[in-house]
N, C-alpha and C. Protein backbone atom coordinates (compact mmCIF):
# COMPACT_ATOMS: atom_id res chain seq x y z
N MET A 1 27.42 -16.48 -25.04
CA MET A 1 26.09 -17.18 -24.63
C MET A 1 25.92 -16.07 -23.52
N ALA A 2 24.77 -15.81 -23.73
CA ALA A 2 23.99 -14.93 -22.48
C ALA A 2 23.53 -15.75 -21.50
N LEU A 3 23.90 -15.10 -20.20
CA LEU A 3 23.38 -16.03 -19.25
C LEU A 3 22.19 -15.11 -18.48
N SER A 4 21.04 -15.66 -18.26
CA SER A 4 20.14 -14.91 -17.57
C SER A 4 20.01 -15.73 -15.88
N ALA A 5 19.69 -15.06 -14.91
CA ALA A 5 19.53 -15.59 -14.02
C ALA A 5 18.24 -14.61 -13.05
N SER A 6 17.70 -15.40 -12.08
CA SER A 6 16.88 -14.83 -11.61
C SER A 6 16.80 -14.99 -10.28
N PHE A 7 17.09 -13.73 -9.44
CA PHE A 7 17.60 -13.53 -7.71
C PHE A 7 16.30 -14.00 -6.99
N ASP A 8 14.77 -13.91 -7.80
CA ASP A 8 13.80 -14.03 -6.61
C ASP A 8 13.05 -14.70 -6.94
N THR A 9 13.42 -16.37 -7.24
CA THR A 9 12.69 -17.37 -7.69
C THR A 9 12.96 -18.54 -6.35
N PRO A 10 11.89 -18.77 -5.81
CA PRO A 10 10.59 -18.63 -5.74
C PRO A 10 10.48 -17.24 -5.25
N GLN A 11 9.15 -16.61 -5.55
CA GLN A 11 9.07 -15.29 -5.28
C GLN A 11 9.09 -15.22 -3.45
N SER A 12 9.96 -13.92 -3.00
CA SER A 12 10.05 -13.80 -1.63
C SER A 12 9.28 -12.93 -1.23
N GLY A 13 8.50 -12.57 -1.88
CA GLY A 13 7.55 -11.30 -1.27
C GLY A 13 6.11 -11.29 -2.16
N SER A 14 5.05 -10.60 -1.54
CA SER A 14 3.86 -10.36 -2.20
C SER A 14 3.22 -8.86 -2.20
N VAL A 15 2.50 -8.61 -3.03
CA VAL A 15 2.12 -7.13 -2.90
C VAL A 15 0.81 -7.28 -2.96
N SER A 16 0.31 -6.50 -1.84
CA SER A 16 -0.91 -6.14 -1.47
C SER A 16 -1.71 -5.00 -1.33
N PRO A 17 -2.49 -5.19 -2.72
CA PRO A 17 -2.90 -3.70 -3.10
C PRO A 17 -4.31 -3.23 -2.42
N VAL A 18 -4.04 -1.62 -2.16
CA VAL A 18 -5.16 -1.42 -1.30
C VAL A 18 -5.80 -0.12 -2.36
N ALA A 19 -7.40 -0.10 -2.66
CA ALA A 19 -7.73 0.98 -3.30
C ALA A 19 -8.19 1.77 -2.79
N ILE A 20 -7.93 3.07 -2.75
CA ILE A 20 -8.21 4.20 -2.03
C ILE A 20 -9.06 4.91 -2.84
N SER A 21 -9.90 6.00 -2.68
CA SER A 21 -10.50 7.15 -3.41
C SER A 21 -10.82 7.83 -2.31
N GLY A 22 -11.52 9.21 -3.07
CA GLY A 22 -11.82 10.52 -2.21
C GLY A 22 -11.49 11.61 -3.45
N THR A 23 -12.10 12.83 -2.41
CA THR A 23 -11.99 13.92 -3.04
C THR A 23 -11.16 15.15 -2.55
N VAL A 24 -10.19 15.55 -3.48
CA VAL A 24 -9.29 16.76 -3.23
C VAL A 24 -9.89 18.01 -3.23
N PRO A 25 -9.94 18.75 -2.42
CA PRO A 25 -10.45 20.13 -2.39
C PRO A 25 -9.82 21.03 -3.53
N ALA A 26 -10.17 22.29 -3.80
CA ALA A 26 -9.46 22.99 -4.86
C ALA A 26 -8.26 23.66 -3.81
N GLN A 27 -6.84 23.80 -4.70
CA GLN A 27 -5.86 24.36 -4.75
C GLN A 27 -5.25 23.55 -3.49
N SER A 28 -5.76 22.15 -3.06
CA SER A 28 -5.04 21.49 -2.08
C SER A 28 -3.88 20.33 -2.53
N GLN A 29 -3.12 19.84 -1.88
CA GLN A 29 -2.63 18.43 -1.68
C GLN A 29 -3.26 17.50 -0.59
N LEU A 30 -3.01 16.38 -1.34
CA LEU A 30 -3.57 15.07 -0.26
C LEU A 30 -2.54 14.24 -0.10
N TYR A 31 -2.33 13.42 1.22
CA TYR A 31 -1.65 12.61 1.63
C TYR A 31 -2.44 11.35 1.86
N ALA A 32 -2.60 10.26 1.46
CA ALA A 32 -3.33 9.35 2.49
C ALA A 32 -1.84 8.23 2.63
N TYR A 33 -2.25 7.95 4.21
CA TYR A 33 -0.63 7.18 4.59
C TYR A 33 -1.79 6.04 4.76
N VAL A 34 -1.44 4.52 4.38
CA VAL A 34 -2.44 3.36 4.16
C VAL A 34 -1.31 2.41 4.70
N THR A 35 -1.99 1.60 6.03
CA THR A 35 -1.18 0.79 6.86
C THR A 35 -1.95 -0.24 6.81
N ILE A 36 -1.10 -1.31 6.66
CA ILE A 36 -1.90 -2.76 6.92
C ILE A 36 -1.31 -3.49 7.77
N LYS A 37 -2.12 -4.47 8.27
CA LYS A 37 -1.28 -5.58 9.42
C LYS A 37 -1.55 -6.94 8.80
N VAL A 38 -0.47 -7.70 8.72
CA VAL A 38 0.10 -9.23 8.40
C VAL A 38 -0.20 -10.02 9.79
N SER A 39 -0.98 -10.80 10.10
CA SER A 39 -0.76 -11.37 11.07
C SER A 39 -1.03 -13.23 10.70
N SER A 40 -0.58 -13.87 11.62
CA SER A 40 -0.78 -15.25 10.85
C SER A 40 -1.45 -15.99 12.42
N THR A 41 -1.72 -17.21 12.01
CA THR A 41 -2.67 -18.36 12.81
C THR A 41 -1.27 -19.01 13.63
N ASN A 42 -0.25 -19.23 13.14
CA ASN A 42 1.12 -19.46 13.90
C ASN A 42 1.64 -18.41 14.77
N PRO A 43 1.69 -18.47 16.20
CA PRO A 43 1.98 -17.66 16.89
C PRO A 43 3.67 -17.82 17.01
N SER A 44 3.90 -18.51 16.33
CA SER A 44 5.70 -18.29 16.53
C SER A 44 6.19 -17.60 15.28
N SER A 45 5.38 -17.37 14.17
CA SER A 45 5.52 -16.57 12.87
C SER A 45 5.01 -14.95 13.30
N ALA A 46 6.19 -14.09 13.93
CA ALA A 46 5.54 -12.52 14.25
C ALA A 46 5.89 -12.26 12.88
N ARG A 47 4.75 -11.25 12.29
CA ARG A 47 4.54 -10.47 11.59
C ARG A 47 4.26 -8.99 12.09
N SER A 48 4.18 -8.08 11.03
CA SER A 48 4.33 -6.81 11.42
C SER A 48 3.31 -6.04 10.70
N GLN A 49 3.24 -4.59 10.90
CA GLN A 49 2.60 -3.78 9.87
C GLN A 49 3.57 -3.13 9.19
N LEU A 50 2.90 -2.56 7.84
CA LEU A 50 3.78 -2.26 6.73
C LEU A 50 2.73 -1.17 6.46
N TYR A 51 3.46 0.03 5.59
CA TYR A 51 2.49 0.89 5.25
C TYR A 51 3.23 1.66 3.62
N SER A 52 2.46 2.35 3.19
CA SER A 52 2.85 2.93 2.36
C SER A 52 1.94 4.16 2.19
N ASN A 53 2.31 5.30 1.12
CA ASN A 53 1.66 6.18 0.99
C ASN A 53 1.23 6.87 -0.54
N VAL A 54 0.01 7.66 -0.47
CA VAL A 54 -0.28 8.22 -2.44
C VAL A 54 -0.52 9.65 -1.94
N GLN A 55 0.20 10.37 -2.87
CA GLN A 55 0.09 11.81 -3.14
C GLN A 55 -0.68 12.18 -4.27
N TYR A 56 -1.75 13.08 -3.91
CA TYR A 56 -2.49 13.26 -4.70
C TYR A 56 -2.47 15.29 -5.21
N PHE A 57 -1.82 15.76 -5.91
CA PHE A 57 -1.87 17.05 -6.09
C PHE A 57 -2.60 17.93 -7.06
N ASN A 58 -3.50 18.57 -6.35
CA ASN A 58 -4.90 19.83 -7.18
C ASN A 58 -4.55 20.98 -6.72
N ASN A 59 -3.17 21.59 -6.54
CA ASN A 59 -3.08 22.76 -6.01
C ASN A 59 -3.01 23.87 -7.44
N THR A 60 -3.40 23.54 -8.17
CA THR A 60 -3.38 24.34 -9.43
C THR A 60 -4.80 24.66 -10.48
N THR A 61 -5.81 23.97 -9.42
CA THR A 61 -7.21 24.56 -10.11
C THR A 61 -8.19 24.79 -8.90
N PHE A 62 -9.13 25.35 -9.46
CA PHE A 62 -10.02 26.18 -8.54
C PHE A 62 -11.25 24.97 -8.08
N THR A 63 -11.23 24.27 -8.56
CA THR A 63 -12.55 22.94 -8.38
C THR A 63 -11.74 21.79 -7.76
N ALA A 64 -12.80 20.91 -6.89
CA ALA A 64 -12.14 20.00 -6.27
C ALA A 64 -12.34 18.91 -7.31
N LYS A 65 -11.50 17.83 -7.26
CA LYS A 65 -11.65 17.00 -7.84
C LYS A 65 -11.30 15.31 -7.47
N ALA A 66 -12.20 14.30 -7.98
CA ALA A 66 -12.12 13.26 -7.32
C ALA A 66 -10.96 12.41 -7.66
N PHE A 67 -10.61 11.53 -7.05
CA PHE A 67 -9.40 10.66 -7.56
C PHE A 67 -9.62 9.27 -6.87
N THR A 68 -9.20 8.38 -7.73
CA THR A 68 -8.86 6.90 -7.49
C THR A 68 -7.15 6.34 -7.07
N ALA A 69 -6.87 5.66 -6.60
CA ALA A 69 -5.51 5.40 -6.64
C ALA A 69 -5.11 4.00 -5.79
N THR A 70 -4.31 3.32 -6.02
CA THR A 70 -3.89 1.85 -5.32
C THR A 70 -2.59 2.15 -5.02
N ALA A 71 -2.70 1.84 -3.48
CA ALA A 71 -1.39 1.93 -2.72
C ALA A 71 -0.58 0.16 -2.74
N ASN A 72 0.06 0.18 -3.34
CA ASN A 72 0.69 -1.40 -3.16
C ASN A 72 1.82 -1.52 -2.52
N ILE A 73 1.10 -2.57 -1.52
CA ILE A 73 2.34 -2.66 -0.19
C ILE A 73 2.84 -3.89 -0.46
N THR A 74 4.36 -3.50 -0.58
CA THR A 74 5.12 -5.19 -0.55
C THR A 74 5.03 -5.74 0.68
N VAL A 75 4.93 -7.22 0.79
CA VAL A 75 4.86 -7.64 1.81
C VAL A 75 6.32 -8.90 1.74
N VAL A 76 7.32 -8.99 2.81
CA VAL A 76 8.05 -9.90 2.89
C VAL A 76 8.46 -10.36 4.21
N PRO A 77 8.57 -11.71 4.35
CA PRO A 77 8.32 -12.84 3.81
C PRO A 77 6.79 -12.87 3.06
N LYS A 78 6.81 -13.44 2.10
CA LYS A 78 5.46 -13.87 0.97
C LYS A 78 4.41 -14.26 1.87
N VAL A 79 3.20 -13.55 1.71
CA VAL A 79 1.98 -13.81 2.22
C VAL A 79 1.56 -15.51 2.26
N ARG A 80 1.59 -16.30 3.42
CA ARG A 80 1.27 -17.71 3.27
C ARG A 80 -0.38 -17.88 3.69
N THR A 81 -0.72 -18.97 3.29
CA THR A 81 -2.29 -19.30 3.36
C THR A 81 -2.73 -19.10 4.83
N ILE A 82 -1.93 -19.43 5.46
CA ILE A 82 -2.03 -19.02 6.99
C ILE A 82 -2.30 -17.60 7.68
N ASP A 83 -1.63 -16.93 6.56
CA ASP A 83 -1.57 -15.31 7.12
C ASP A 83 -2.91 -14.79 6.86
N THR A 84 -3.03 -13.29 7.51
CA THR A 84 -4.26 -12.84 7.46
C THR A 84 -3.61 -11.05 7.10
N VAL A 85 -4.26 -10.69 5.90
CA VAL A 85 -3.61 -8.98 5.45
C VAL A 85 -5.11 -8.30 6.01
N THR A 86 -5.17 -7.48 6.48
CA THR A 86 -6.10 -6.61 6.79
C THR A 86 -5.28 -5.10 6.92
N ILE A 87 -6.11 -4.07 6.30
CA ILE A 87 -6.16 -2.61 6.86
C ILE A 87 -6.40 -2.26 7.80
N SER A 88 -5.35 -1.78 8.49
CA SER A 88 -5.40 -1.07 9.79
C SER A 88 -5.61 0.08 9.99
N ASN A 89 -5.33 0.98 9.18
CA ASN A 89 -5.66 2.02 9.22
C ASN A 89 -5.18 3.34 7.98
N ILE A 90 -6.15 4.18 7.44
CA ILE A 90 -5.72 5.15 6.37
C ILE A 90 -5.71 6.23 7.07
N ASP A 91 -4.73 7.13 7.10
CA ASP A 91 -4.85 8.35 7.73
C ASP A 91 -4.65 9.41 6.41
N TRP A 92 -5.41 10.74 6.38
CA TRP A 92 -5.37 11.74 5.08
C TRP A 92 -5.01 12.74 5.84
N VAL A 93 -4.71 13.32 4.96
CA VAL A 93 -4.11 14.74 5.52
C VAL A 93 -3.82 15.54 4.18
N VAL A 94 -4.87 16.63 4.31
CA VAL A 94 -4.92 17.50 3.34
C VAL A 94 -4.15 19.03 3.75
N GLU A 95 -3.51 19.50 2.57
CA GLU A 95 -2.83 20.60 2.91
C GLU A 95 -3.38 21.80 2.17
């Protein structure tokens, strides 16, 4: 008899997608560091800043390229209705 188990029921985290887009110069690499802030209307519920990064490589072509990507940032514990998720910063580094 097969036994199935779920170790994440109910869901303990949420995913906050952040869409980013831009243009990467020719023969370059782009790194986008995305930071979100999770805050709550309940002052006793301390939340924090979370981050993710996206890389795009255009180092083999001689033309600039447009890109779009999504940074999926996992928020644990799960985002509640009293929480607010905002993009606090996107840092771009081109090498």
